N, C-alpha and C. Protein backbone atom coordinates (compact mmCIF):
# COMPACT_ATOMS: atom_id res chain seq x y z
N MET A 1 0.86 -1.18 -0.01
CA MET A 1 0.01 -0.02 -0.01
C MET A 1 0.92 1.25 0.01
N GLU A 2 0.51 2.25 -0.72
CA GLU A 2 1.23 3.51 -0.76
C GLU A 2 1.05 4.29 0.51
N CYS A 3 2.15 4.91 0.97
CA CYS A 3 2.08 5.78 2.16
C CYS A 3 2.93 7.04 1.80
N ILE A 4 2.25 8.16 1.84
CA ILE A 4 2.95 9.41 1.63
C ILE A 4 3.44 9.95 3.00
N VAL A 5 4.73 10.19 3.08
CA VAL A 5 5.31 10.66 4.32
C VAL A 5 5.52 12.20 4.16
N HIS A 6 4.90 12.96 5.06
CA HIS A 6 5.12 14.44 5.11
C HIS A 6 6.17 14.72 6.09
N PHE A 7 7.15 15.54 5.74
CA PHE A 7 8.18 15.89 6.63
C PHE A 7 8.74 17.28 6.31
N ASP A 8 9.38 17.88 7.35
CA ASP A 8 10.04 19.17 7.21
C ASP A 8 11.54 18.95 7.33
N VAL A 9 12.30 19.48 6.39
CA VAL A 9 13.76 19.54 6.41
C VAL A 9 14.11 20.88 6.99
N VAL A 10 14.76 20.89 8.15
CA VAL A 10 15.04 22.13 8.84
C VAL A 10 16.46 22.64 8.44
N HIS A 11 16.46 23.77 7.80
CA HIS A 11 17.72 24.44 7.41
C HIS A 11 17.90 25.68 8.34
N LYS A 12 19.03 26.31 8.27
CA LYS A 12 19.29 27.52 9.07
C LYS A 12 18.27 28.60 8.66
N GLU A 13 17.85 28.64 7.41
CA GLU A 13 16.92 29.62 6.95
C GLU A 13 15.48 29.30 7.40
N GLY A 14 15.23 28.10 7.79
CA GLY A 14 13.89 27.71 8.20
C GLY A 14 13.48 26.34 7.62
N PRO A 15 12.36 25.83 8.04
CA PRO A 15 11.91 24.51 7.54
C PRO A 15 11.37 24.55 6.13
N LYS A 16 11.65 23.46 5.42
CA LYS A 16 11.12 23.30 4.06
C LYS A 16 10.26 21.99 4.06
N PRO A 17 8.96 22.16 3.82
CA PRO A 17 8.11 20.95 3.79
C PRO A 17 8.28 20.11 2.55
N LEU A 18 8.46 18.80 2.68
CA LEU A 18 8.61 17.90 1.54
C LEU A 18 7.78 16.66 1.82
N ARG A 19 7.72 15.78 0.80
CA ARG A 19 6.98 14.55 0.93
C ARG A 19 7.83 13.40 0.27
N GLY A 20 7.64 12.23 0.81
CA GLY A 20 8.24 11.05 0.29
C GLY A 20 7.24 9.93 0.13
N LEU A 21 7.57 8.94 -0.60
CA LEU A 21 6.58 7.82 -0.87
C LEU A 21 7.23 6.50 -0.43
N LEU A 22 6.44 5.72 0.33
CA LEU A 22 6.86 4.40 0.73
C LEU A 22 5.78 3.41 0.35
N PHE A 23 6.11 2.15 0.18
CA PHE A 23 5.16 1.08 -0.03
C PHE A 23 5.28 0.19 1.21
N ILE A 24 4.16 0.10 1.96
CA ILE A 24 4.12 -0.65 3.18
C ILE A 24 2.93 -1.62 3.21
N ASN A 25 2.95 -2.54 4.16
CA ASN A 25 1.82 -3.39 4.33
C ASN A 25 0.67 -2.64 4.95
N GLU A 26 -0.54 -3.02 4.48
CA GLU A 26 -1.72 -2.31 4.99
C GLU A 26 -1.88 -2.50 6.47
N GLY A 27 -2.23 -1.43 7.14
CA GLY A 27 -2.45 -1.41 8.61
C GLY A 27 -1.21 -1.24 9.40
N THR A 28 -0.05 -0.99 8.79
CA THR A 28 1.22 -0.79 9.46
C THR A 28 1.73 0.60 9.22
N ALA A 29 2.57 1.04 10.13
CA ALA A 29 3.26 2.34 9.97
C ALA A 29 4.67 2.08 9.38
N PRO A 30 5.27 3.02 8.72
CA PRO A 30 6.63 2.83 8.24
C PRO A 30 7.62 2.59 9.36
N SER A 31 8.52 1.67 9.18
CA SER A 31 9.55 1.37 10.17
C SER A 31 10.72 2.37 10.07
N GLU A 32 11.55 2.40 11.10
CA GLU A 32 12.73 3.24 11.11
C GLU A 32 13.63 2.96 9.86
N ALA A 33 13.84 1.70 9.56
CA ALA A 33 14.72 1.35 8.44
C ALA A 33 14.07 1.81 7.09
N GLU A 34 12.72 1.66 6.94
CA GLU A 34 12.06 2.11 5.74
C GLU A 34 12.18 3.65 5.57
N LEU A 35 12.07 4.36 6.69
CA LEU A 35 12.14 5.83 6.61
C LEU A 35 13.58 6.26 6.30
N ILE A 36 14.56 5.62 6.94
CA ILE A 36 15.96 6.00 6.64
C ILE A 36 16.29 5.65 5.20
N GLY A 37 15.80 4.49 4.71
CA GLY A 37 16.02 4.17 3.35
C GLY A 37 15.42 5.17 2.35
N MET A 38 14.17 5.63 2.67
CA MET A 38 13.49 6.66 1.84
C MET A 38 14.37 7.92 1.81
N PHE A 39 14.76 8.37 3.01
CA PHE A 39 15.61 9.57 3.06
C PHE A 39 16.92 9.38 2.32
N LYS A 40 17.48 8.22 2.37
CA LYS A 40 18.77 7.99 1.66
C LYS A 40 18.55 8.05 0.19
N ASP A 41 17.36 7.51 -0.30
CA ASP A 41 17.06 7.61 -1.72
C ASP A 41 16.96 9.08 -2.17
N MET A 42 16.59 9.93 -1.21
CA MET A 42 16.44 11.36 -1.48
C MET A 42 17.69 12.15 -1.18
N LYS A 43 18.79 11.47 -1.02
CA LYS A 43 20.12 12.07 -0.72
C LYS A 43 20.20 12.68 0.64
N PHE A 44 19.41 12.27 1.59
CA PHE A 44 19.56 12.69 2.97
C PHE A 44 20.09 11.51 3.80
N ASN A 45 21.29 11.52 4.24
CA ASN A 45 21.92 10.45 4.97
C ASN A 45 21.66 10.84 6.46
N VAL A 46 20.74 10.10 7.10
CA VAL A 46 20.28 10.46 8.45
C VAL A 46 20.28 9.25 9.39
N ARG A 47 20.15 9.54 10.68
CA ARG A 47 19.98 8.56 11.70
C ARG A 47 18.84 9.03 12.59
N LEU A 48 18.13 8.12 13.22
CA LEU A 48 17.01 8.48 14.10
C LEU A 48 17.55 9.03 15.39
N GLU A 49 17.17 10.25 15.69
CA GLU A 49 17.56 10.96 16.92
C GLU A 49 16.59 10.77 18.04
N ASP A 50 15.27 10.96 17.72
CA ASP A 50 14.21 10.94 18.71
C ASP A 50 13.03 10.10 18.11
N ALA A 51 12.89 8.89 18.56
CA ALA A 51 11.82 8.02 18.03
C ALA A 51 10.45 8.49 18.40
N GLU A 52 10.24 9.11 19.59
CA GLU A 52 8.96 9.58 20.00
C GLU A 52 8.46 10.73 19.13
N LYS A 53 9.38 11.67 18.83
CA LYS A 53 9.02 12.90 18.05
C LYS A 53 9.31 12.71 16.58
N LEU A 54 9.91 11.55 16.18
CA LEU A 54 10.22 11.25 14.78
C LEU A 54 11.13 12.31 14.20
N VAL A 55 12.27 12.52 14.85
CA VAL A 55 13.27 13.48 14.46
C VAL A 55 14.51 12.73 14.03
N PHE A 56 14.99 13.07 12.80
CA PHE A 56 16.18 12.49 12.24
C PHE A 56 17.26 13.54 12.11
N LYS A 57 18.52 13.16 12.45
CA LYS A 57 19.66 14.08 12.32
C LYS A 57 20.56 13.62 11.27
N PRO A 58 21.30 14.53 10.59
CA PRO A 58 22.27 14.09 9.60
C PRO A 58 23.43 13.30 10.21
N VAL A 59 23.84 12.28 9.45
CA VAL A 59 24.99 11.49 9.88
C VAL A 59 26.24 12.32 9.82
N ASN A 60 26.35 13.18 8.78
CA ASN A 60 27.50 14.04 8.58
C ASN A 60 27.11 15.47 9.12
N PRO A 61 27.72 15.94 10.18
CA PRO A 61 27.37 17.25 10.77
C PRO A 61 27.55 18.42 9.81
N SER A 62 28.34 18.24 8.74
CA SER A 62 28.54 19.37 7.81
C SER A 62 27.45 19.41 6.67
N ASP A 63 26.41 18.58 6.77
CA ASP A 63 25.32 18.64 5.79
C ASP A 63 24.62 19.99 5.91
N SER A 64 23.92 20.35 4.83
CA SER A 64 23.30 21.65 4.77
C SER A 64 22.00 21.76 5.57
N PHE A 65 21.57 20.67 6.19
CA PHE A 65 20.31 20.74 6.93
C PHE A 65 20.63 20.33 8.39
N GLN A 66 19.76 20.75 9.35
CA GLN A 66 20.00 20.49 10.77
C GLN A 66 19.27 19.21 11.22
N GLU A 67 18.06 19.05 10.70
CA GLU A 67 17.27 17.87 11.12
C GLU A 67 16.13 17.68 10.18
N ILE A 68 15.49 16.53 10.25
CA ILE A 68 14.26 16.19 9.49
C ILE A 68 13.22 15.81 10.53
N ARG A 69 12.05 16.40 10.41
CA ARG A 69 10.94 16.09 11.33
C ARG A 69 9.76 15.55 10.50
N ILE A 70 9.30 14.37 10.81
CA ILE A 70 8.15 13.79 10.18
C ILE A 70 6.92 14.43 10.79
N THR A 71 6.05 15.00 9.88
CA THR A 71 4.86 15.72 10.35
C THR A 71 3.58 14.91 10.15
N GLY A 72 3.59 13.84 9.35
CA GLY A 72 2.43 13.01 9.15
C GLY A 72 2.58 12.00 8.11
N TYR A 73 1.60 11.11 8.05
CA TYR A 73 1.49 10.00 7.05
C TYR A 73 0.14 10.14 6.36
N ASP A 74 0.10 9.82 5.10
CA ASP A 74 -1.17 9.79 4.36
C ASP A 74 -1.20 8.51 3.51
N ASN A 75 -2.14 7.63 3.90
CA ASN A 75 -2.25 6.36 3.14
C ASN A 75 -3.50 6.34 2.26
N GLY A 76 -4.15 7.49 2.14
CA GLY A 76 -5.34 7.53 1.27
C GLY A 76 -6.61 7.05 1.89
N LYS A 77 -6.57 6.67 3.16
CA LYS A 77 -7.74 6.14 3.88
C LYS A 77 -8.35 7.25 4.67
N GLN A 78 -8.95 6.88 5.80
CA GLN A 78 -9.64 7.84 6.68
C GLN A 78 -8.69 8.93 7.09
N GLY A 79 -9.25 10.08 7.29
CA GLY A 79 -8.48 11.19 7.79
C GLY A 79 -7.79 11.99 6.67
N ALA A 80 -7.82 11.50 5.46
CA ALA A 80 -7.24 12.25 4.36
C ALA A 80 -8.10 13.45 4.13
N LYS A 81 -7.47 14.61 4.06
CA LYS A 81 -8.18 15.89 3.92
C LYS A 81 -8.22 16.31 2.46
N GLU A 82 -9.29 17.03 2.15
CA GLU A 82 -9.42 17.55 0.79
C GLU A 82 -8.52 18.76 0.68
N ASP A 83 -7.76 18.96 -0.37
CA ASP A 83 -6.94 20.06 -0.59
C ASP A 83 -7.76 21.19 -1.24
N HIS A 84 -8.20 22.18 -0.45
CA HIS A 84 -9.07 23.21 -0.97
C HIS A 84 -8.35 24.15 -1.94
N GLU A 85 -7.06 24.41 -1.74
CA GLU A 85 -6.33 25.26 -2.63
C GLU A 85 -6.20 24.59 -4.00
N LEU A 86 -5.87 23.29 -4.04
CA LEU A 86 -5.76 22.55 -5.28
C LEU A 86 -7.06 22.53 -6.00
N LYS A 87 -8.18 22.28 -5.26
CA LYS A 87 -9.49 22.23 -5.83
C LYS A 87 -9.82 23.56 -6.47
N SER A 88 -9.46 24.67 -5.85
CA SER A 88 -9.74 25.99 -6.42
C SER A 88 -8.93 26.24 -7.66
N ILE A 89 -7.68 25.84 -7.66
CA ILE A 89 -6.82 26.02 -8.84
C ILE A 89 -7.41 25.25 -10.06
N VAL A 90 -7.72 23.95 -9.77
CA VAL A 90 -8.29 23.11 -10.84
C VAL A 90 -9.59 23.68 -11.36
N GLY A 91 -10.40 24.11 -10.38
CA GLY A 91 -11.70 24.66 -10.77
C GLY A 91 -11.58 25.91 -11.68
N ASN A 92 -10.54 26.71 -11.46
CA ASN A 92 -10.32 27.90 -12.27
C ASN A 92 -9.75 27.53 -13.65
N LEU A 93 -9.10 26.38 -13.77
CA LEU A 93 -8.52 25.96 -15.07
C LEU A 93 -9.54 25.28 -15.92
N LEU A 94 -10.55 24.66 -15.31
CA LEU A 94 -11.52 23.94 -16.10
C LEU A 94 -12.45 24.94 -16.81
N PRO A 95 -12.92 24.63 -18.01
CA PRO A 95 -13.84 25.55 -18.77
C PRO A 95 -15.11 25.70 -17.90
N GLN A 96 -15.61 26.92 -17.86
CA GLN A 96 -16.82 27.23 -17.12
C GLN A 96 -18.04 26.82 -17.94
N LYS A 97 -19.08 26.44 -17.29
CA LYS A 97 -20.33 26.07 -17.95
C LYS A 97 -20.94 27.38 -18.51
N PRO A 98 -21.52 27.27 -19.69
CA PRO A 98 -22.16 28.48 -20.26
C PRO A 98 -23.39 28.89 -19.44
N THR A 99 -23.51 30.18 -19.29
CA THR A 99 -24.73 30.67 -18.56
C THR A 99 -25.94 30.58 -19.40
N GLY A 100 -27.11 30.56 -18.81
CA GLY A 100 -28.34 30.48 -19.54
C GLY A 100 -28.66 31.75 -20.29
N LEU A 101 -29.62 31.65 -21.24
CA LEU A 101 -30.02 32.79 -22.04
C LEU A 101 -30.94 33.69 -21.32
């Protein structure tokens, strides 16, 4: 099952929100190894610093980021929210229905 991982990469300038994709078994949460592997594929070499708060720190202290914080998971099931901004943009791009005479 697909699982979108929402996370913030914290730089000196501030956090940058990003997303990653994992394939996991239904009804499970991503494991530490799966998350570290996903980050490694994205060129973030990290280690788990705080398992409770889901904070990862760079293995190399000279990396350009200070930490990565997981902010949420989206597996397309319950709790998935509708993106109102995206809906508005798409609505403006679609041709409008003609008005009556």
